[in-house]
Amino acid sequence: VVSSVDRGGADLEFGGGAVRFTAGFPALGAVMHLTHGV
């Protein structure tokens, strides 16, 4: 699996700190044992 999502601008913060990057992990299953997130 290759799942690609643009999550928008880097205008987020948590605990007073600015965001640097994001990541995601498409689920595995009985048929898919290797997935990729973009």
PDB file of all heavy atoms in Angstrom:
ATOM      1  N   VAL A   1       0.863  -1.193   0.000  1.00  0.00           N
ATOM      2  CA  VAL A   1       0.000   0.000   0.000  1.00  0.00           C
ATOM      3  C   VAL A   1       0.890   1.232   0.000  1.00  0.00           C
ATOM      4  O   VAL A   1       1.908   1.273   0.696  1.00  0.00           O
ATOM      5  CB  VAL A   1      -0.932   0.012   1.232  1.00  0.00           C
ATOM      6  CG1 VAL A   1      -1.650   1.354   1.358  1.00  0.00           C
ATOM      7  CG2 VAL A   1      -1.939  -1.124   1.161  1.00  0.00           C
ATOM      8  N   VAL A   2       0.505   2.230  -0.780  1.00  0.00           N
ATOM      9  CA  VAL A   2       1.153   3.543  -0.728  1.00  0.00           C
ATOM     10  C   VAL A   2       0.043   4.581  -0.577  1.00  0.00           C
ATOM     11  O   VAL A   2      -0.709   4.844  -1.513  1.00  0.00           O
ATOM     12  CB  VAL A   2       2.001   3.827  -1.982  1.00  0.00           C
ATOM     13  CG1 VAL A   2       2.647   5.211  -1.870  1.00  0.00           C
ATOM     14  CG2 VAL A   2       3.080   2.760  -2.167  1.00  0.00           C
ATOM     15  N   SER A   3      -0.073   5.140   0.614  1.00  0.00           N
ATOM     16  CA  SER A   3      -1.117   6.123   0.916  1.00  0.00           C
ATOM     17  C   SER A   3      -0.483   7.502   1.035  1.00  0.00           C
ATOM     18  O   SER A   3       0.432   7.707   1.834  1.00  0.00           O
ATOM     19  CB  SER A   3      -1.823   5.757   2.225  1.00  0.00           C
ATOM     20  OG  SER A   3      -2.813   6.715   2.551  1.00  0.00           O
ATOM     21  N   SER A   4      -0.983   8.433   0.238  1.00  0.00           N
ATOM     22  CA  SER A   4      -0.389   9.772   0.174  1.00  0.00           C
ATOM     23  C   SER A   4      -1.419  10.820   0.573  1.00  0.00           C
ATOM     24  O   SER A   4      -2.501  10.886  -0.019  1.00  0.00           O
ATOM     25  CB  SER A   4       0.124  10.041  -1.249  1.00  0.00           C
ATOM     26  OG  SER A   4       0.727  11.302  -1.349  1.00  0.00           O
ATOM     27  N   VAL A   5      -1.095  11.624   1.596  1.00  0.00           N
ATOM     28  CA  VAL A   5      -2.009  12.655   2.086  1.00  0.00           C
ATOM     29  C   VAL A   5      -1.214  13.930   2.378  1.00  0.00           C
ATOM     30  O   VAL A   5      -0.214  13.884   3.107  1.00  0.00           O
ATOM     31  CB  VAL A   5      -2.741  12.214   3.376  1.00  0.00           C
ATOM     32  CG1 VAL A   5      -3.672  13.324   3.856  1.00  0.00           C
ATOM     33  CG2 VAL A   5      -3.525  10.929   3.150  1.00  0.00           C
ATOM     34  N   ASP A   6      -1.658  15.056   1.826  1.00  0.00           N
ATOM     35  CA  ASP A   6      -1.089  16.355   2.170  1.00  0.00           C
ATOM     36  C   ASP A   6      -1.871  16.891   3.367  1.00  0.00           C
ATOM     37  O   ASP A   6      -3.072  17.152   3.258  1.00  0.00           O
ATOM     38  CB  ASP A   6      -1.193  17.312   0.986  1.00  0.00           C
ATOM     39  CG  ASP A   6      -0.503  18.641   1.238  1.00  0.00           C
ATOM     40  OD1 ASP A   6      -0.152  18.933   2.412  1.00  0.00           O
ATOM     41  OD2 ASP A   6      -0.313  19.412   0.279  1.00  0.00           O
ATOM     42  N   ARG A   7      -1.206  17.041   4.507  1.00  0.00           N
ATOM     43  CA  ARG A   7      -1.886  17.486   5.725  1.00  0.00           C
ATOM     44  C   ARG A   7      -1.826  18.989   5.948  1.00  0.00           C
ATOM     45  O   ARG A   7      -2.075  19.473   7.047  1.00  0.00           O
ATOM     46  CB  ARG A   7      -1.311  16.733   6.932  1.00  0.00           C
ATOM     47  CG  ARG A   7      -1.679  15.244   6.901  1.00  0.00           C
ATOM     48  CD  ARG A   7      -1.130  14.483   8.081  1.00  0.00           C
ATOM     49  NE  ARG A   7      -1.564  13.079   8.056  1.00  0.00           N
ATOM     50  CZ  ARG A   7      -1.002  12.106   8.758  1.00  0.00           C
ATOM     51  NH1 ARG A   7       0.043  12.388   9.546  1.00  0.00           N
ATOM     52  NH2 ARG A   7      -1.446  10.879   8.678  1.00  0.00           N
ATOM     53  N   GLY A   8      -1.517  19.732   4.896  1.00  0.00           N
ATOM     54  CA  GLY A   8      -1.632  21.180   4.963  1.00  0.00           C
ATOM     55  C   GLY A   8      -0.369  21.884   5.419  1.00  0.00           C
ATOM     56  O   GLY A   8       0.738  21.342   5.386  1.00  0.00           O
ATOM     57  N   GLY A   9      -0.561  23.125   5.862  1.00  0.00           N
ATOM     58  CA  GLY A   9       0.566  23.960   6.247  1.00  0.00           C
ATOM     59  C   GLY A   9       1.122  23.618   7.619  1.00  0.00           C
ATOM     60  O   GLY A   9       0.457  22.989   8.445  1.00  0.00           O
ATOM     61  N   ALA A  10       2.357  24.052   7.851  1.00  0.00           N
ATOM     62  CA  ALA A  10       3.029  23.783   9.124  1.00  0.00           C
ATOM     63  C   ALA A  10       2.719  24.880  10.136  1.00  0.00           C
ATOM     64  O   ALA A  10       3.611  25.438  10.783  1.00  0.00           O
ATOM     65  CB  ALA A  10       4.532  23.668   8.897  1.00  0.00           C
ATOM     66  N   ASP A  11       1.423  25.186  10.303  1.00  0.00           N
ATOM     67  CA  ASP A  11       0.989  26.243  11.217  1.00  0.00           C
ATOM     68  C   ASP A  11       0.325  25.645  12.461  1.00  0.00           C
ATOM     69  O   ASP A  11      -0.636  26.190  12.986  1.00  0.00           O
ATOM     70  CB  ASP A  11       0.036  27.201  10.507  1.00  0.00           C
ATOM     71  CG  ASP A  11      -1.138  26.490   9.842  1.00  0.00           C
ATOM     72  OD1 ASP A  11      -1.087  25.247   9.702  1.00  0.00           O
ATOM     73  OD2 ASP A  11      -2.102  27.175   9.460  1.00  0.00           O
ATOM     74  N   LEU A  12       0.849  24.523  12.938  1.00  0.00           N
ATOM     75  CA  LEU A  12       0.311  23.839  14.108  1.00  0.00           C
ATOM     76  C   LEU A  12       1.262  23.964  15.282  1.00  0.00           C
ATOM     77  O   LEU A  12       2.470  24.184  15.107  1.00  0.00           O
ATOM     78  CB  LEU A  12       0.079  22.357  13.789  1.00  0.00           C
ATOM     79  CG  LEU A  12      -0.714  22.034  12.514  1.00  0.00           C
ATOM     80  CD1 LEU A  12      -0.807  20.529  12.316  1.00  0.00           C
ATOM     81  CD2 LEU A  12      -2.090  22.667  12.560  1.00  0.00           C
ATOM     82  N   GLU A  13       0.718  23.804  16.493  1.00  0.00           N
ATOM     83  CA  GLU A  13       1.577  23.825  17.680  1.00  0.00           C
ATOM     84  C   GLU A  13       0.947  22.976  18.779  1.00  0.00           C
ATOM     85  O   GLU A  13      -0.264  22.751  18.805  1.00  0.00           O
ATOM     86  CB  GLU A  13       1.816  25.253  18.165  1.00  0.00           C
ATOM     87  CG  GLU A  13       0.580  26.003  18.628  1.00  0.00           C
ATOM     88  CD  GLU A  13       0.254  25.796  20.106  1.00  0.00           C
ATOM     89  OE1 GLU A  13       1.169  25.406  20.866  1.00  0.00           O
ATOM     90  OE2 GLU A  13      -0.914  26.009  20.485  1.00  0.00           O
ATOM     91  N   PHE A  14       1.781  22.506  19.664  1.00  0.00           N
ATOM     92  CA  PHE A  14       1.323  21.725  20.817  1.00  0.00           C
ATOM     93  C   PHE A  14       2.275  21.997  21.967  1.00  0.00           C
ATOM     94  O   PHE A  14       3.493  21.938  21.804  1.00  0.00           O
ATOM     95  CB  PHE A  14       1.291  20.238  20.465  1.00  0.00           C
ATOM     96  CG  PHE A  14       0.731  19.362  21.559  1.00  0.00           C
ATOM     97  CD1 PHE A  14      -0.355  19.765  22.325  1.00  0.00           C
ATOM     98  CD2 PHE A  14       1.284  18.112  21.810  1.00  0.00           C
ATOM     99  CE1 PHE A  14      -0.881  18.949  23.318  1.00  0.00           C
ATOM    100  CE2 PHE A  14       0.772  17.281  22.793  1.00  0.00           C
ATOM    101  CZ  PHE A  14      -0.310  17.703  23.551  1.00  0.00           C
ATOM    102  N   GLY A  15       1.705  22.343  23.107  1.00  0.00           N
ATOM    103  CA  GLY A  15       2.544  22.644  24.262  1.00  0.00           C
ATOM    104  C   GLY A  15       3.420  23.854  24.062  1.00  0.00           C
ATOM    105  O   GLY A  15       4.472  23.986  24.695  1.00  0.00           O
ATOM    106  N   GLY A  16       3.008  24.739  23.165  1.00  0.00           N
ATOM    107  CA  GLY A  16       3.790  25.944  22.893  1.00  0.00           C
ATOM    108  C   GLY A  16       4.902  25.750  21.891  1.00  0.00           C
ATOM    109  O   GLY A  16       5.625  26.692  21.572  1.00  0.00           O
ATOM    110  N   GLY A  17       5.069  24.534  21.353  1.00  0.00           N
ATOM    111  CA  GLY A  17       6.124  24.264  20.384  1.00  0.00           C
ATOM    112  C   GLY A  17       5.572  24.117  18.976  1.00  0.00           C
ATOM    113  O   GLY A  17       4.509  23.528  18.769  1.00  0.00           O
ATOM    114  N   ALA A  18       6.301  24.640  17.998  1.00  0.00           N
ATOM    115  CA  ALA A  18       5.860  24.590  16.608  1.00  0.00           C
ATOM    116  C   ALA A  18       6.066  23.191  16.031  1.00  0.00           C
ATOM    117  O   ALA A  18       6.997  22.466  16.412  1.00  0.00           O
ATOM    118  CB  ALA A  18       6.622  25.614  15.777  1.00  0.00           C
ATOM    119  N   VAL A  19       5.208  22.833  15.084  1.00  0.00           N
ATOM    120  CA  VAL A  19       5.314  21.526  14.444  1.00  0.00           C
ATOM    121  C   VAL A  19       6.489  21.502  13.477  1.00  0.00           C
ATOM    122  O   VAL A  19       6.836  22.514  12.867  1.00  0.00           O
ATOM    123  CB  VAL A  19       3.992  21.178  13.713  1.00  0.00           C
ATOM    124  CG1 VAL A  19       3.826  21.999  12.438  1.00  0.00           C
ATOM    125  CG2 VAL A  19       3.897  19.690  13.419  1.00  0.00           C
ATOM    126  N   ARG A  20       7.125  20.336  13.354  1.00  0.00           N
ATOM    127  CA  ARG A  20       8.244  20.170  12.418  1.00  0.00           C
ATOM    128  C   ARG A  20       7.874  19.238  11.256  1.00  0.00           C
ATOM    129  O   ARG A  20       8.251  19.502  10.124  1.00  0.00           O
ATOM    130  CB  ARG A  20       9.466  19.620  13.148  1.00  0.00           C
ATOM    131  CG  ARG A  20      10.007  20.511  14.259  1.00  0.00           C
ATOM    132  CD  ARG A  20      10.655  21.776  13.741  1.00  0.00           C
ATOM    133  NE  ARG A  20      11.256  22.560  14.814  1.00  0.00           N
ATOM    134  CZ  ARG A  20      12.498  22.390  15.292  1.00  0.00           C
ATOM    135  NH1 ARG A  20      13.267  21.431  14.799  1.00  0.00           N
ATOM    136  NH2 ARG A  20      12.951  23.154  16.274  1.00  0.00           N
ATOM    137  N   PHE A  21       7.214  18.125  11.555  1.00  0.00           N
ATOM    138  CA  PHE A  21       6.829  17.199  10.491  1.00  0.00           C
ATOM    139  C   PHE A  21       5.717  16.280  10.988  1.00  0.00           C
ATOM    140  O   PHE A  21       5.380  16.277  12.181  1.00  0.00           O
ATOM    141  CB  PHE A  21       8.022  16.372   9.986  1.00  0.00           C
ATOM    142  CG  PHE A  21       8.685  15.489  11.013  1.00  0.00           C
ATOM    143  CD1 PHE A  21       8.202  14.200  11.278  1.00  0.00           C
ATOM    144  CD2 PHE A  21       9.818  15.919  11.701  1.00  0.00           C
ATOM    145  CE1 PHE A  21       8.813  13.379  12.216  1.00  0.00           C
ATOM    146  CE2 PHE A  21      10.438  15.104  12.647  1.00  0.00           C
ATOM    147  CZ  PHE A  21       9.943  13.834  12.907  1.00  0.00           C
ATOM    148  N   THR A  22       5.133  15.528  10.063  1.00  0.00           N
ATOM    149  CA  THR A  22       4.079  14.576  10.373  1.00  0.00           C
ATOM    150  C   THR A  22       4.365  13.261   9.663  1.00  0.00           C
ATOM    151  O   THR A  22       5.154  13.215   8.718  1.00  0.00           O
ATOM    152  CB  THR A  22       2.701  15.123   9.952  1.00  0.00           C
ATOM    153  OG1 THR A  22       1.665  14.245  10.411  1.00  0.00           O
ATOM    154  CG2 THR A  22       2.578  15.234   8.431  1.00  0.00           C
ATOM    155  N   ALA A  23       3.711  12.190  10.114  1.00  0.00           N
ATOM    156  CA  ALA A  23       3.868  10.870   9.487  1.00  0.00           C
ATOM    157  C   ALA A  23       2.600  10.068   9.715  1.00  0.00           C
ATOM    158  O   ALA A  23       1.796  10.383  10.603  1.00  0.00           O
ATOM    159  CB  ALA A  23       5.081  10.134  10.061  1.00  0.00           C
ATOM    160  N   GLY A  24       2.418   9.027   8.906  1.00  0.00           N
ATOM    161  CA  GLY A  24       1.270   8.142   9.048  1.00  0.00           C
ATOM    162  C   GLY A  24       1.638   6.731   8.644  1.00  0.00           C
ATOM    163  O   GLY A  24       2.626   6.517   7.928  1.00  0.00           O
ATOM    164  N   PHE A  25       0.823   5.774   9.066  1.00  0.00           N
ATOM    165  CA  PHE A  25       1.176   4.364   8.922  1.00  0.00           C
ATOM    166  C   PHE A  25      -0.055   3.548   8.520  1.00  0.00           C
ATOM    167  O   PHE A  25      -0.799   3.069   9.390  1.00  0.00           O
ATOM    168  CB  PHE A  25       1.752   3.828  10.237  1.00  0.00           C
ATOM    169  CG  PHE A  25       2.722   4.784  10.885  1.00  0.00           C
ATOM    170  CD1 PHE A  25       2.278   5.683  11.858  1.00  0.00           C
ATOM    171  CD2 PHE A  25       4.042   4.835  10.494  1.00  0.00           C
ATOM    172  CE1 PHE A  25       3.153   6.588  12.442  1.00  0.00           C
ATOM    173  CE2 PHE A  25       4.923   5.740  11.066  1.00  0.00           C
ATOM    174  CZ  PHE A  25       4.486   6.618  12.050  1.00  0.00           C
ATOM    175  N   PRO A  26      -0.313   3.365   7.208  1.00  0.00           N
ATOM    176  CA  PRO A  26      -1.457   2.563   6.791  1.00  0.00           C
ATOM    177  C   PRO A  26      -1.433   1.188   7.448  1.00  0.00           C
ATOM    178  O   PRO A  26      -0.371   0.587   7.635  1.00  0.00           O
ATOM    179  CB  PRO A  26      -1.270   2.467   5.269  1.00  0.00           C
ATOM    180  CG  PRO A  26      -0.450   3.679   4.910  1.00  0.00           C
ATOM    181  CD  PRO A  26       0.461   3.908   6.074  1.00  0.00           C
ATOM    182  N   ALA A  27      -2.615   0.687   7.799  1.00  0.00           N
ATOM    183  CA  ALA A  27      -2.719  -0.539   8.593  1.00  0.00           C
ATOM    184  C   ALA A  27      -2.267  -1.766   7.808  1.00  0.00           C
ATOM    185  O   ALA A  27      -2.361  -1.829   6.579  1.00  0.00           O
ATOM    186  CB  ALA A  27      -4.158  -0.725   9.063  1.00  0.00           C
ATOM    187  N   LEU A  28      -1.775  -2.754   8.541  1.00  0.00           N
ATOM    188  CA  LEU A  28      -1.475  -4.066   7.983  1.00  0.00           C
ATOM    189  C   LEU A  28      -2.703  -4.960   8.138  1.00  0.00           C
ATOM    190  O   LEU A  28      -3.611  -4.682   8.916  1.00  0.00           O
ATOM    191  CB  LEU A  28      -0.291  -4.704   8.711  1.00  0.00           C
ATOM    192  CG  LEU A  28       1.022  -3.932   8.752  1.00  0.00           C
ATOM    193  CD1 LEU A  28       2.095  -4.756   9.450  1.00  0.00           C
ATOM    194  CD2 LEU A  28       1.475  -3.528   7.358  1.00  0.00           C
ATOM    195  N   GLY A  29      -2.707  -6.049   7.394  1.00  0.00           N
ATOM    196  CA  GLY A  29      -3.792  -7.022   7.503  1.00  0.00           C
ATOM    197  C   GLY A  29      -3.316  -8.380   7.056  1.00  0.00           C
ATOM    198  O   GLY A  29      -2.114  -8.603   6.839  1.00  0.00           O
ATOM    199  N   ALA A  30      -4.242  -9.307   6.903  1.00  0.00           N
ATOM    200  CA  ALA A  30      -3.873 -10.667   6.518  1.00  0.00           C
ATOM    201  C   ALA A  30      -3.287 -10.717   5.114  1.00  0.00           C
ATOM    202  O   ALA A  30      -2.503 -11.613   4.802  1.00  0.00           O
ATOM    203  CB  ALA A  30      -5.099 -11.578   6.597  1.00  0.00           C
ATOM    204  N   VAL A  31      -3.630  -9.753   4.259  1.00  0.00           N
ATOM    205  CA  VAL A  31      -3.122  -9.737   2.883  1.00  0.00           C
ATOM    206  C   VAL A  31      -1.988  -8.736   2.726  1.00  0.00           C
ATOM    207  O   VAL A  31      -1.006  -9.003   2.035  1.00  0.00           O
ATOM    208  CB  VAL A  31      -4.255  -9.419   1.887  1.00  0.00           C
ATOM    209  CG1 VAL A  31      -3.716  -9.267   0.469  1.00  0.00           C
ATOM    210  CG2 VAL A  31      -5.297 -10.531   1.926  1.00  0.00           C
ATOM    211  N   MET A  32      -2.080  -7.590   3.359  1.00  0.00           N
ATOM    212  CA  MET A  32      -1.055  -6.549   3.243  1.00  0.00           C
ATOM    213  C   MET A  32      -0.136  -6.578   4.460  1.00  0.00           C
ATOM    214  O   MET A  32      -0.561  -6.267   5.575  1.00  0.00           O
ATOM    215  CB  MET A  32      -1.706  -5.172   3.110  1.00  0.00           C
ATOM    216  CG  MET A  32      -2.434  -4.959   1.804  1.00  0.00           C
ATOM    217  SD  MET A  32      -1.306  -4.982   0.396  1.00  0.00           S
ATOM    218  CE  MET A  32      -2.478  -4.689  -0.948  1.00  0.00           C
ATOM    219  N   HIS A  33       1.120  -6.933   4.241  1.00  0.00           N
ATOM    220  CA  HIS A  33       2.095  -7.014   5.335  1.00  0.00           C
ATOM    221  C   HIS A  33       3.186  -5.951   5.218  1.00  0.00           C
ATOM    222  O   HIS A  33       4.116  -5.940   6.019  1.00  0.00           O
ATOM    223  CB  HIS A  33       2.719  -8.411   5.368  1.00  0.00           C
ATOM    224  CG  HIS A  33       1.763  -9.479   5.802  1.00  0.00           C
ATOM    225  ND1 HIS A  33       1.880 -10.148   7.007  1.00  0.00           N
ATOM    226  CD2 HIS A  33       0.652  -9.964   5.218  1.00  0.00           C
ATOM    227  CE1 HIS A  33       0.887 -11.020   7.123  1.00  0.00           C
ATOM    228  NE2 HIS A  33       0.133 -10.925   6.043  1.00  0.00           N
ATOM    229  N   LEU A  34       3.073  -5.081   4.224  1.00  0.00           N
ATOM    230  CA  LEU A  34       4.001  -3.963   4.067  1.00  0.00           C
ATOM    231  C   LEU A  34       3.226  -2.798   3.483  1.00  0.00           C
ATOM    232  O   LEU A  34       2.616  -2.909   2.423  1.00  0.00           O
ATOM    233  CB  LEU A  34       5.158  -4.336   3.135  1.00  0.00           C
ATOM    234  CG  LEU A  34       6.094  -3.179   2.732  1.00  0.00           C
ATOM    235  CD1 LEU A  34       6.843  -2.631   3.947  1.00  0.00           C
ATOM    236  CD2 LEU A  34       7.071  -3.624   1.648  1.00  0.00           C
ATOM    237  N   THR A  35       3.222  -1.668   4.194  1.00  0.00           N
ATOM    238  CA  THR A  35       2.541  -0.475   3.703  1.00  0.00           C
ATOM    239  C   THR A  35       3.469   0.731   3.815  1.00  0.00           C
ATOM    240  O   THR A  35       4.454   0.717   4.565  1.00  0.00           O
ATOM    241  CB  THR A  35       1.241  -0.188   4.483  1.00  0.00           C
ATOM    242  OG1 THR A  35       1.566   0.169   5.838  1.00  0.00           O
ATOM    243  CG2 THR A  35       0.320  -1.402   4.482  1.00  0.00           C
ATOM    244  N   HIS A  36       3.133   1.761   3.039  1.00  0.00           N
ATOM    245  CA  HIS A  36       3.927   2.994   3.023  1.00  0.00           C
ATOM    246  C   HIS A  36       3.001   4.190   3.204  1.00  0.00           C
ATOM    247  O   HIS A  36       1.896   4.223   2.646  1.00  0.00           O
ATOM    248  CB  HIS A  36       4.676   3.158   1.693  1.00  0.00           C
ATOM    249  CG  HIS A  36       5.562   2.009   1.330  1.00  0.00           C
ATOM    250  ND1 HIS A  36       5.066   0.822   0.817  1.00  0.00           N
ATOM    251  CD2 HIS A  36       6.910   1.867   1.404  1.00  0.00           C
ATOM    252  CE1 HIS A  36       6.074  -0.004   0.592  1.00  0.00           C
ATOM    253  NE2 HIS A  36       7.190   0.594   0.931  1.00  0.00           N
ATOM    254  N   GLY A  37       3.461   5.179   3.947  1.00  0.00           N
ATOM    255  CA  GLY A  37       2.755   6.444   4.066  1.00  0.00           C
ATOM    256  C   GLY A  37       3.587   7.554   3.461  1.00  0.00           C
ATOM    257  O   GLY A  37       4.810   7.567   3.619  1.00  0.00           O
ATOM    258  N   VAL A  38       2.944   8.474   2.752  1.00  0.00           N
ATOM    259  CA  VAL A  38       3.603   9.659   2.196  1.00  0.00           C
ATOM    260  C   VAL A  38       2.796  10.851   2.681  1.00  0.00           C
ATOM    261  O   VAL A  38       1.693  11.104   2.188  1.00  0.00           O
ATOM    262  CB  VAL A  38       3.658   9.608   0.657  1.00  0.00           C
ATOM    263  CG1 VAL A  38       4.398  10.827   0.110  1.00  0.00           C
ATOM    264  CG2 VAL A  38       4.296   8.315   0.168  1.00  0.00           C
TER     265      VAL A  38
END
